[in-house]
Amino acid sequence: MTVFGTWSRMLALVFGLLAACVAVAGAEPCRPYQFDGSRFTVCVIDLRMHDLRLYWKDQDEQPYASFARLPRQQGSVERVFAMNAGMYLEDLRPAGLYIEDGDVLRPANNADGPGNFHMKPNGVFMVRAGEAAVLDTERYLAEAPTADLATQSGPMLVIDGELHHRFIPDSNSLRMRNGVGVRNGHEVLFAISEHPVNFHQFARLFRDGLGCHNALYLDGSMSSLHAPALGRSDFVRPMGPIIAAYRRQSRP
């Protein structure tokens, strides 16, 4: 073999390895995202390629409370994402509806009260048979759909393409925030701000930046993300419900 042939094969190998690395990186769900002058991390979970699971308590009835205690694998597949999944009480009980593996462990909460959870309309994120949805709580209660998993939080960020009526464009109520929206039924978009933003900007991120017709606020200053591909696993304080994604094992 000539020197030219040897170098050609070496270059082909190098470029092949680089292409493989790019392909793997591109398959990771989380990436940095810029919108309206602010920085976010957005994680796109495609339910055709990932399984979503909700976690609250372990087999000893103790709250998981952190990403570190979650199962790293489901079967032979690795966890690729996790995030706090809705508001909760002091003892880490979910503040509203919580459905895990089809079992209703906490009922829907449509009571009036203080705080973001009760800034109506609040809403429910749910998954059923590989399809996801975000519904305001009144609609959820009226339709009473079955769900494989569901978590209630509030307020709604986007309701049928409209921003929540109480959001103020120039509000100085700035917080770290995270939320969830759905696109095309099978794409679940989780976002977390990298610095404090107001509700109006965060809701526009989902509607105008990410194309979500409905989106739900998950929490504020304790917002946390686990994204192994980004070398990130936050711990701000003990969490109530946590949502995690596992990449499905590819079929031969």
Protein backbone atom coordinates (compact mmCIF):
# COMPACT_ATOMS: atom_id res chain seq x y z
CA MET A 1 0.00 0.00 0.00
CA THR A 2 1.33 3.48 -0.86
CA VAL A 3 1.90 6.21 1.70
CA PHE A 4 -0.95 8.13 0.08
CA GLY A 5 -3.22 5.12 0.52
CA THR A 6 -2.23 4.75 4.19
CA TRP A 7 -2.94 8.44 4.91
CA SER A 8 -6.24 8.20 3.07
CA ARG A 9 -7.33 5.32 5.26
CA MET A 10 -6.20 7.12 8.43
CA LEU A 11 -8.09 10.28 7.45
CA ALA A 12 -11.18 8.25 6.63
CA LEU A 13 -10.98 6.61 10.06
CA VAL A 14 -10.55 9.96 11.85
CA PHE A 15 -13.47 11.54 10.00
CA GLY A 16 -15.57 8.46 10.64
CA LEU A 17 -14.89 8.68 14.38
CA LEU A 18 -15.70 12.39 14.39
CA ALA A 19 -18.95 11.75 12.57
CA ALA A 20 -19.88 9.06 15.07
CA CYS A 21 -19.16 11.42 17.97
CA VAL A 22 -21.32 14.11 16.41
CA ALA A 23 -24.13 11.62 15.85
CA VAL A 24 -24.02 10.47 19.48
CA ALA A 25 -23.93 14.06 20.75
CA GLY A 26 -26.84 14.99 18.52
CA ALA A 27 -28.88 12.12 19.98
CA GLU A 28 -28.64 13.53 23.51
CA PRO A 29 -31.89 15.18 24.63
CA CYS A 30 -30.55 18.33 26.33
CA ARG A 31 -28.87 21.35 24.79
CA PRO A 32 -28.29 25.07 25.51
CA TYR A 33 -30.91 27.37 24.01
CA GLN A 34 -31.02 31.14 23.56
CA PHE A 35 -34.32 33.02 23.51
CA ASP A 36 -35.08 36.73 23.78
CA GLY A 37 -31.63 37.51 25.18
CA SER A 38 -31.78 34.85 27.90
CA ARG A 39 -30.11 31.47 28.28
CA PHE A 40 -32.00 28.23 28.88
CA THR A 41 -31.38 24.51 28.71
CA VAL A 42 -34.01 22.64 26.68
CA CYS A 43 -34.45 18.87 26.74
CA VAL A 44 -36.53 17.23 24.00
CA ILE A 45 -37.83 13.81 24.99
CA ASP A 46 -39.26 11.94 22.02
CA LEU A 47 -41.64 9.29 23.34
CA ARG A 48 -40.92 7.12 20.31
CA MET A 49 -37.31 6.82 21.51
CA HIS A 50 -37.55 7.39 25.27
CA ASP A 51 -39.57 6.10 28.20
CA LEU A 52 -40.68 8.66 30.80
CA ARG A 53 -41.06 7.64 34.44
CA LEU A 54 -42.33 9.53 37.50
CA TYR A 55 -40.77 8.98 40.93
CA TRP A 56 -41.89 10.04 44.37
CA LYS A 57 -41.33 7.30 46.99
CA ASP A 58 -39.11 4.22 47.03
CA GLN A 59 -40.07 0.69 48.12
CA ASP A 60 -39.63 1.75 51.77
CA GLU A 61 -42.14 4.60 51.28
CA GLN A 62 -39.37 7.19 51.56
CA PRO A 63 -39.22 10.09 49.07
CA TYR A 64 -36.40 9.76 46.56
CA ALA A 65 -35.77 13.50 47.10
CA SER A 66 -32.74 13.71 44.76
CA PHE A 67 -31.51 12.57 41.36
CA ALA A 68 -28.75 10.54 42.99
CA ARG A 69 -31.26 8.09 44.51
CA LEU A 70 -33.19 7.37 41.31
CA PRO A 71 -32.63 4.10 39.44
CA ARG A 72 -29.80 4.65 36.99
CA GLN A 73 -31.25 2.10 34.60
CA GLN A 74 -34.55 0.59 33.52
CA GLY A 75 -33.65 -2.90 32.38
CA SER A 76 -30.49 -2.43 30.34
CA VAL A 77 -31.06 1.20 29.33
CA GLU A 78 -29.47 4.22 30.98
CA ARG A 79 -31.16 7.30 32.41
CA VAL A 80 -30.51 10.26 30.10
CA PHE A 81 -32.52 13.01 31.79
CA ALA A 82 -34.34 13.96 34.99
CA MET A 83 -36.03 17.08 36.37
CA ASN A 84 -38.17 18.09 39.33
CA ALA A 85 -41.75 17.42 38.26
CA GLY A 86 -44.20 19.73 40.00
CA MET A 87 -44.91 21.46 43.27
CA TYR A 88 -45.02 19.66 46.59
CA LEU A 89 -45.70 20.11 50.30
CA GLU A 90 -43.21 20.33 53.17
CA ASP A 91 -43.15 16.55 53.60
CA LEU A 92 -42.42 16.19 49.83
CA ARG A 93 -45.95 14.99 48.98
CA PRO A 94 -47.13 16.24 45.57
CA ALA A 95 -49.35 19.30 45.93
CA GLY A 96 -51.90 17.93 43.47
CA LEU A 97 -52.62 15.05 41.12
CA TYR A 98 -49.92 12.40 40.94
CA ILE A 99 -50.24 9.21 38.87
CA GLU A 100 -47.39 6.71 38.69
CA ASP A 101 -47.55 3.51 36.62
CA GLY A 102 -51.28 4.07 36.13
CA ASP A 103 -52.00 4.31 39.89
CA VAL A 104 -53.50 7.52 41.32
CA LEU A 105 -51.39 8.18 44.41
CA ARG A 106 -52.63 11.76 44.96
CA PRO A 107 -55.94 13.25 43.74
CA ALA A 108 -56.29 16.40 41.65
CA ASN A 109 -56.32 19.62 43.66
CA ASN A 110 -58.65 22.32 42.34
CA ALA A 111 -58.88 24.32 45.58
CA ASP A 112 -58.23 28.04 45.80
CA GLY A 113 -55.22 29.24 47.71
CA PRO A 114 -52.03 31.32 47.70
CA GLY A 115 -48.91 30.85 45.62
CA ASN A 116 -48.08 29.84 42.09
CA PHE A 117 -49.77 26.44 42.27
CA HIS A 118 -53.13 28.15 42.81
CA MET A 119 -52.64 30.82 40.11
CA LYS A 120 -55.50 29.46 38.03
CA PRO A 121 -55.67 27.97 35.58
CA ASN A 122 -53.12 25.47 36.80
CA GLY A 123 -52.72 22.23 34.94
CA VAL A 124 -51.70 18.62 34.46
CA PHE A 125 -48.93 17.04 32.41
CA MET A 126 -49.79 13.47 31.45
CA VAL A 127 -48.66 10.58 29.27
CA ARG A 128 -50.95 7.84 27.98
CA ALA A 129 -49.97 5.06 25.54
CA GLY A 130 -46.96 6.93 24.18
CA GLU A 131 -48.77 10.25 23.72
CA ALA A 132 -48.30 13.27 25.98
CA ALA A 133 -50.56 16.23 26.78
CA VAL A 134 -50.75 19.33 28.95
CA LEU A 135 -54.31 20.14 30.06
CA ASP A 136 -55.62 22.85 32.35
CA THR A 137 -57.05 21.28 35.51
CA GLU A 138 -60.69 22.13 34.75
CA ARG A 139 -60.44 20.37 31.40
CA TYR A 140 -58.64 17.40 32.93
CA LEU A 141 -61.39 16.97 35.52
CA ALA A 142 -64.12 17.34 32.90
CA GLU A 143 -62.61 14.80 30.50
CA ALA A 144 -61.25 12.44 33.21
CA PRO A 145 -58.72 10.74 30.92
CA THR A 146 -56.83 7.66 32.00
CA ALA A 147 -53.07 8.15 32.26
CA ASP A 148 -49.94 6.09 32.68
CA LEU A 149 -48.33 9.01 34.50
CA ALA A 150 -49.48 12.49 35.46
CA THR A 151 -48.35 15.37 37.62
CA GLN A 152 -50.20 18.57 38.52
CA SER A 153 -48.55 21.95 38.96
CA GLY A 154 -49.24 25.58 38.25
CA PRO A 155 -49.77 27.97 36.78
CA MET A 156 -50.34 26.99 33.16
CA LEU A 157 -47.85 28.88 31.01
CA VAL A 158 -49.60 28.51 27.65
CA ILE A 159 -53.27 27.56 27.21
CA ASP A 160 -54.33 26.70 23.65
CA GLY A 161 -51.75 29.10 22.23
CA GLU A 162 -52.49 31.96 24.66
CA LEU A 163 -50.29 33.08 27.54
CA HIS A 164 -51.73 32.94 31.06
CA HIS A 165 -53.81 36.10 31.55
CA ARG A 166 -51.97 37.14 34.73
CA PHE A 167 -48.49 37.31 33.20
CA ILE A 168 -47.04 40.83 32.90
CA PRO A 169 -44.47 41.51 30.13
CA ASP A 170 -42.22 43.80 32.19
CA SER A 171 -42.73 42.09 35.56
CA ASN A 172 -39.75 42.37 37.90
CA SER A 173 -40.61 39.05 39.58
CA LEU A 174 -37.55 37.21 38.36
CA ARG A 175 -36.85 33.59 39.33
CA MET A 176 -35.10 30.51 38.08
CA ARG A 177 -37.91 28.56 36.42
CA ASN A 178 -38.59 25.20 34.81
CA GLY A 179 -41.56 23.84 32.91
CA VAL A 180 -42.86 21.37 30.35
CA GLY A 181 -44.67 21.61 27.03
CA VAL A 182 -45.79 19.18 24.35
CA ARG A 183 -45.37 19.30 20.58
CA ASN A 184 -46.86 16.89 18.02
CA GLY A 185 -48.15 14.63 20.77
CA HIS A 186 -44.95 12.62 21.08
CA GLU A 187 -42.34 15.35 21.74
CA VAL A 188 -42.11 16.47 25.36
CA LEU A 189 -40.08 19.65 25.84
CA PHE A 190 -38.62 20.43 29.26
CA ALA A 191 -36.90 23.78 29.80
CA ILE A 192 -34.99 25.36 32.68
CA SER A 193 -33.72 28.93 32.81
CA GLU A 194 -30.03 29.53 33.42
CA HIS A 195 -30.70 32.84 35.16
CA PRO A 196 -33.81 34.47 36.65
CA VAL A 197 -36.64 35.31 34.21
CA ASN A 198 -40.25 36.40 34.63
CA PHE A 199 -43.33 34.32 33.86
CA HIS A 200 -44.14 36.19 30.65
CA GLN A 201 -40.75 35.55 29.06
CA PHE A 202 -40.72 31.94 30.22
CA ALA A 203 -44.16 31.30 28.73
CA ARG A 204 -43.12 32.91 25.43
CA LEU A 205 -40.12 30.60 25.32
CA PHE A 206 -42.52 27.64 25.11
CA ARG A 207 -45.01 29.24 22.73
CA ASP A 208 -42.84 31.37 20.44
CA GLY A 209 -39.47 29.68 20.80
CA LEU A 210 -40.38 26.00 21.09
CA GLY A 211 -43.76 25.88 19.33
CA CYS A 212 -45.78 24.46 22.23
CA HIS A 213 -49.53 25.11 22.11
CA ASN A 214 -49.85 24.17 25.80
CA ALA A 215 -47.22 24.34 28.53
CA LEU A 216 -47.09 24.01 32.31
CA TYR A 217 -44.91 25.62 34.98
CA LEU A 218 -43.17 23.10 37.21
CA ASP A 219 -41.37 25.20 39.84
CA GLY A 220 -39.16 28.17 40.57
CA SER A 221 -36.08 28.79 42.67
CA MET A 222 -35.49 25.09 43.35
CA SER A 223 -35.64 24.14 39.64
CA SER A 224 -33.18 21.30 39.01
CA LEU A 225 -31.89 19.35 36.02
CA HIS A 226 -30.02 16.06 35.62
CA ALA A 227 -28.38 15.88 32.18
CA PRO A 228 -25.45 13.40 32.15
CA ALA A 229 -24.35 14.38 28.63
CA LEU A 230 -23.86 17.94 29.87
CA GLY A 231 -22.04 16.81 33.01
CA ARG A 232 -24.83 18.29 35.11
CA SER A 233 -26.81 17.01 38.08
CA ASP A 234 -28.28 19.79 40.23
CA PHE A 235 -29.20 19.58 43.89
CA VAL A 236 -30.80 22.70 45.33
CA ARG A 237 -32.93 21.10 48.05
CA PRO A 238 -34.88 17.84 48.53
CA MET A 239 -37.48 17.37 45.78
CA GLY A 240 -40.98 15.93 45.72
CA PRO A 241 -41.99 14.31 42.41
CA ILE A 242 -39.20 13.75 39.87
CA ILE A 243 -39.55 12.84 36.20
CA ALA A 244 -36.86 10.84 34.39
CA ALA A 245 -36.28 9.62 30.84
CA TYR A 246 -34.58 6.42 29.73
CA ARG A 247 -33.50 5.79 26.15
CA ARG A 248 -35.33 2.79 24.74
CA GLN A 249 -33.24 -0.19 23.73
CA SER A 250 -32.88 -0.15 19.96
CA ARG A 251 -34.37 -3.09 18.10
CA PRO A 252 -32.00 -5.19 15.94
